[in-house]
Amino acid sequence: DGAVDLTNQLGQVSLASGDQGIVDPGQAPRKTAVIDAINIIQCSLYYPAVLDVAELGLSDAEKSALSDSLTAYRNGDLLQALASYPTNRTAVSAKEMVYSAALQLAVGQVAATEAILAKLGAQQEGLLPFAEALRQLIAAVKFQIWNRSKPAGSATEWIAESYYQQSRSQLEEARRAAKNAAEKAPEFGLAWTRVAEMEFSFGRTAEALAAVEKSLALSPRNAQSLSLKGFLL
């Protein structure tokens, strides 16, 4: 908030809150159109992982080719999962495209995620719930309205639904959705992380600690769970 004068030897421009000023070499400062703050800070926003890769049904060949990345993802190490994704690899199926999109979103690359999802096309009906879950998470983080096309069915959808309900301050609904995710996929560590977060938000520390211990047993490298356990302790 406030006002700034942007000056060099060739000129000056006054900027108010929401304005953007640009200075190119050899040119006077200039003011551009009002910026969209969400787009400017987008890569710094936090997008938690929601995809349960077990639900995708990747082929044996894909599991073999992506073995290191999938192992890191299941362990909760999202940065290593992305780093271990084979360089210059082109996804060989729509299912792998969803996984690739989920990795990009986990590091805040929203534009890359949306570009991958756009390539899926409407014909990939079986994968639309996973694509919608990623889009719902984006809506939650950006505090945008999201209308679900049909009730959640997979753990992936329930986790995205939990984050979205929390973004709308519907905490009981968010907690219920998290528990649905864990019931749907009891071996999915990130689902238990979400349960622990929501139990803690209600002050249910014992229940939260039990859930976070389950999450760490399944995904020991998940920073989200490790941070939450620190708060609980």
Protein backbone atom coordinates (compact mmCIF):
# COMPACT_ATOMS: atom_id res chain seq x y z
CA ASP A 1 0.00 0.00 0.00
CA GLY A 2 1.13 3.53 -0.67
CA ALA A 3 2.86 5.32 -3.54
CA VAL A 4 6.29 5.11 -5.18
CA ASP A 5 8.12 7.32 -7.64
CA LEU A 6 10.19 5.21 -10.03
CA THR A 7 12.97 7.31 -11.55
CA ASN A 8 16.03 7.07 -13.75
CA GLN A 9 17.99 9.61 -15.80
CA LEU A 10 15.44 9.39 -18.64
CA GLY A 11 12.25 9.99 -16.75
CA GLN A 12 9.91 9.26 -13.86
CA VAL A 13 6.59 7.52 -13.24
CA SER A 14 4.40 7.47 -10.13
CA LEU A 15 3.02 4.13 -9.00
CA ALA A 16 0.15 3.43 -6.61
CA SER A 17 -0.92 0.20 -4.92
CA GLY A 18 -1.59 -2.45 -7.56
CA ASP A 19 0.46 -0.74 -10.29
CA GLN A 20 3.49 -2.33 -11.89
CA GLY A 21 6.48 -0.32 -13.08
CA ILE A 22 9.01 -1.55 -15.64
CA VAL A 23 12.42 -0.11 -16.52
CA ASP A 24 14.17 -1.43 -19.63
CA PRO A 25 17.79 -0.51 -20.47
CA GLY A 26 18.01 2.85 -22.20
CA GLN A 27 14.34 3.71 -21.60
CA ALA A 28 12.35 5.78 -19.16
CA PRO A 29 10.31 3.97 -16.50
CA ARG A 30 6.78 3.09 -17.58
CA LYS A 31 3.64 1.93 -15.85
CA THR A 32 1.75 -1.14 -17.05
CA ALA A 33 -1.80 -2.24 -16.43
CA VAL A 34 -2.97 -3.13 -12.93
CA ILE A 35 -1.50 -6.49 -11.95
CA ASP A 36 -3.27 -9.62 -10.78
CA ALA A 37 -1.58 -10.23 -7.44
CA ILE A 38 -2.49 -13.93 -7.42
CA ASN A 39 -0.73 -14.48 -10.75
CA ILE A 40 2.35 -12.56 -9.60
CA ILE A 41 2.82 -14.59 -6.39
CA GLN A 42 1.44 -17.84 -7.77
CA CYS A 43 4.71 -19.75 -7.76
CA SER A 44 5.19 -18.91 -4.07
CA LEU A 45 1.82 -20.30 -3.03
CA TYR A 46 1.77 -23.72 -1.41
CA TYR A 47 -0.03 -26.52 -3.22
CA PRO A 48 -0.09 -29.68 -1.09
CA ALA A 49 -0.01 -33.04 -2.82
CA VAL A 50 -3.41 -34.71 -3.17
CA LEU A 51 -2.92 -37.46 -5.76
CA ASP A 52 -2.93 -41.08 -4.60
CA VAL A 53 -0.86 -42.70 -7.34
CA ALA A 54 -2.19 -46.14 -6.39
CA GLU A 55 -5.59 -45.05 -7.70
CA LEU A 56 -4.17 -44.12 -11.11
CA GLY A 57 -3.45 -47.66 -12.21
CA LEU A 58 -0.15 -47.01 -13.97
CA SER A 59 1.10 -49.84 -16.15
CA ASP A 60 3.96 -52.08 -15.06
CA ALA A 61 6.19 -50.45 -17.69
CA GLU A 62 5.38 -47.00 -16.35
CA LYS A 63 5.95 -48.09 -12.77
CA SER A 64 9.37 -49.43 -13.78
CA ALA A 65 10.37 -46.32 -15.73
CA LEU A 66 9.17 -44.00 -12.94
CA SER A 67 10.29 -46.20 -10.06
CA ASP A 68 12.57 -43.67 -8.34
CA SER A 69 10.06 -40.85 -8.70
CA LEU A 70 7.15 -42.95 -7.45
CA THR A 71 9.15 -44.17 -4.46
CA ALA A 72 10.04 -40.61 -3.48
CA TYR A 73 6.41 -39.53 -3.93
CA ARG A 74 5.08 -42.31 -1.72
CA ASN A 75 7.70 -41.40 0.88
CA GLY A 76 6.36 -37.85 0.83
CA ASP A 77 9.50 -36.29 -0.70
CA LEU A 78 7.81 -34.25 -3.42
CA LEU A 79 10.89 -32.33 -4.54
CA GLN A 80 12.84 -35.57 -4.99
CA ALA A 81 9.86 -37.10 -6.81
CA LEU A 82 10.01 -34.32 -9.37
CA ALA A 83 13.81 -34.39 -9.58
CA SER A 84 13.72 -38.16 -10.16
CA TYR A 85 11.21 -37.96 -12.98
CA PRO A 86 13.24 -38.99 -16.07
CA THR A 87 14.67 -35.99 -17.91
CA ASN A 88 13.11 -35.24 -21.30
CA ARG A 89 10.60 -38.05 -20.84
CA THR A 90 7.26 -37.70 -22.61
CA ALA A 91 4.35 -39.28 -20.76
CA VAL A 92 3.31 -42.45 -22.56
CA SER A 93 -0.27 -42.46 -21.29
CA ALA A 94 -2.95 -40.14 -19.95
CA LYS A 95 -2.45 -41.69 -16.51
CA GLU A 96 1.19 -40.69 -16.51
CA MET A 97 0.18 -37.21 -17.65
CA VAL A 98 -1.96 -36.87 -14.52
CA TYR A 99 1.01 -37.90 -12.36
CA SER A 100 3.24 -35.41 -14.15
CA ALA A 101 0.66 -32.67 -13.61
CA ALA A 102 0.43 -33.52 -9.91
CA LEU A 103 4.23 -33.25 -9.56
CA GLN A 104 4.24 -29.85 -11.25
CA LEU A 105 1.46 -28.58 -9.01
CA ALA A 106 3.24 -29.77 -5.87
CA VAL A 107 6.04 -27.28 -6.65
CA GLY A 108 3.66 -24.47 -7.59
CA GLN A 109 3.93 -24.71 -11.37
CA VAL A 110 0.25 -24.01 -12.01
CA ALA A 111 0.60 -23.02 -15.67
CA ALA A 112 2.49 -26.24 -16.45
CA THR A 113 -0.12 -28.25 -14.56
CA GLU A 114 -3.02 -26.69 -16.42
CA ALA A 115 -1.26 -27.17 -19.77
CA ILE A 116 -0.85 -30.89 -19.09
CA LEU A 117 -4.46 -31.27 -17.93
CA ALA A 118 -5.70 -29.46 -21.03
CA LYS A 119 -4.05 -32.14 -23.19
CA LEU A 120 -6.02 -34.91 -21.49
CA GLY A 121 -9.19 -34.00 -23.33
CA ALA A 122 -12.75 -34.92 -22.49
CA GLN A 123 -12.32 -38.40 -23.94
CA GLN A 124 -10.28 -39.50 -20.91
CA GLU A 125 -13.43 -39.83 -18.84
CA GLY A 126 -11.93 -42.24 -16.33
CA LEU A 127 -9.22 -39.75 -15.44
CA LEU A 128 -11.39 -36.66 -15.23
CA PRO A 129 -11.95 -37.07 -11.45
CA PHE A 130 -8.18 -36.84 -10.90
CA ALA A 131 -7.86 -33.84 -13.21
CA GLU A 132 -10.79 -32.17 -11.45
CA ALA A 133 -9.18 -32.82 -8.07
CA LEU A 134 -6.06 -30.93 -9.14
CA ARG A 135 -8.16 -28.09 -10.52
CA GLN A 136 -10.19 -27.98 -7.29
CA LEU A 137 -6.97 -27.68 -5.29
CA ILE A 138 -5.90 -24.75 -7.45
CA ALA A 139 -9.27 -23.12 -6.78
CA ALA A 140 -8.85 -23.70 -3.04
CA VAL A 141 -5.40 -22.11 -2.90
CA LYS A 142 -6.49 -19.16 -5.05
CA PHE A 143 -9.75 -18.84 -3.07
CA GLN A 144 -11.84 -19.27 -6.20
CA ILE A 145 -15.31 -20.76 -6.49
CA TRP A 146 -15.38 -24.42 -7.53
CA ASN A 147 -18.46 -26.44 -8.42
CA ARG A 148 -17.96 -30.20 -8.35
CA SER A 149 -19.49 -32.03 -11.33
CA LYS A 150 -20.29 -35.13 -9.26
CA PRO A 151 -19.74 -36.38 -5.68
CA ALA A 152 -16.20 -37.30 -4.66
CA GLY A 153 -15.40 -40.99 -4.89
CA SER A 154 -11.63 -41.48 -4.71
CA ALA A 155 -9.20 -40.63 -1.93
CA THR A 156 -7.61 -38.08 -4.27
CA GLU A 157 -10.94 -36.30 -4.72
CA TRP A 158 -11.72 -36.38 -1.00
CA ILE A 159 -8.38 -34.76 -0.09
CA ALA A 160 -8.92 -32.00 -2.66
CA GLU A 161 -12.44 -31.57 -1.32
CA SER A 162 -11.05 -31.25 2.21
CA TYR A 163 -8.71 -28.43 1.22
CA TYR A 164 -11.46 -26.69 -0.70
CA GLN A 165 -13.91 -26.87 2.20
CA GLN A 166 -11.25 -25.47 4.51
CA SER A 167 -10.70 -22.58 2.10
CA ARG A 168 -14.42 -21.80 2.49
CA SER A 169 -14.12 -22.01 6.32
CA GLN A 170 -16.23 -25.19 6.40
CA LEU A 171 -13.97 -26.98 8.86
CA GLU A 172 -16.26 -29.82 9.88
CA GLU A 173 -16.88 -30.67 6.23
CA ALA A 174 -13.13 -30.47 5.63
CA ARG A 175 -12.45 -32.87 8.52
CA ARG A 176 -15.12 -35.29 7.30
CA ALA A 177 -13.67 -35.25 3.78
CA ALA A 178 -10.18 -35.97 5.14
CA LYS A 179 -11.46 -38.95 7.10
CA ASN A 180 -13.25 -40.22 3.99
CA ALA A 181 -9.93 -40.07 2.12
CA ALA A 182 -8.14 -42.10 4.80
CA GLU A 183 -10.94 -44.67 4.87
CA LYS A 184 -10.82 -44.94 1.08
CA ALA A 185 -7.02 -45.34 0.96
CA PRO A 186 -5.66 -46.40 4.38
CA GLU A 187 -2.17 -46.96 2.92
CA PHE A 188 -1.95 -43.41 1.51
CA GLY A 189 0.27 -41.42 3.87
CA LEU A 190 -0.85 -37.99 2.68
CA ALA A 191 -4.45 -38.84 3.53
CA TRP A 192 -3.46 -39.40 7.16
CA THR A 193 -1.52 -36.14 7.10
CA ARG A 194 -4.71 -34.39 6.12
CA VAL A 195 -6.67 -36.13 8.87
CA ALA A 196 -4.04 -35.05 11.40
CA GLU A 197 -4.20 -31.43 10.23
CA MET A 198 -7.96 -31.32 10.56
CA GLU A 199 -8.07 -33.06 13.93
CA PHE A 200 -5.49 -30.59 15.22
CA SER A 201 -7.55 -27.68 13.93
CA PHE A 202 -10.29 -28.80 16.34
CA GLY A 203 -7.82 -29.11 19.22
CA ARG A 204 -8.01 -32.91 19.16
CA THR A 205 -4.30 -33.32 19.83
CA ALA A 206 -4.27 -37.02 20.71
CA GLU A 207 -6.23 -37.94 17.58
CA ALA A 208 -4.01 -35.68 15.48
CA LEU A 209 -0.82 -37.23 16.86
CA ALA A 210 -2.11 -40.74 16.17
CA ALA A 211 -2.93 -39.77 12.58
CA VAL A 212 0.39 -38.03 11.99
CA GLU A 213 2.26 -41.08 13.27
CA LYS A 214 0.36 -43.20 10.73
CA SER A 215 1.24 -40.74 8.00
CA LEU A 216 4.95 -40.81 8.89
CA ALA A 217 4.98 -44.61 9.02
CA LEU A 218 3.73 -44.59 5.42
CA SER A 219 5.45 -41.41 4.14
CA PRO A 220 8.47 -40.74 6.39
CA ARG A 221 9.89 -37.96 4.17
CA ASN A 222 6.74 -35.83 4.12
CA ALA A 223 7.70 -32.34 5.32
CA GLN A 224 4.03 -31.54 5.95
CA SER A 225 3.74 -34.35 8.50
CA LEU A 226 7.10 -33.60 10.11
CA SER A 227 6.18 -29.94 10.58
CA LEU A 228 2.79 -30.85 11.99
CA LYS A 229 4.32 -33.32 14.44
CA GLY A 230 6.58 -30.53 15.65
CA PHE A 231 3.55 -28.32 16.36
CA LEU A 232 1.78 -31.20 18.11
CA LEU A 233 4.76 -31.93 20.33
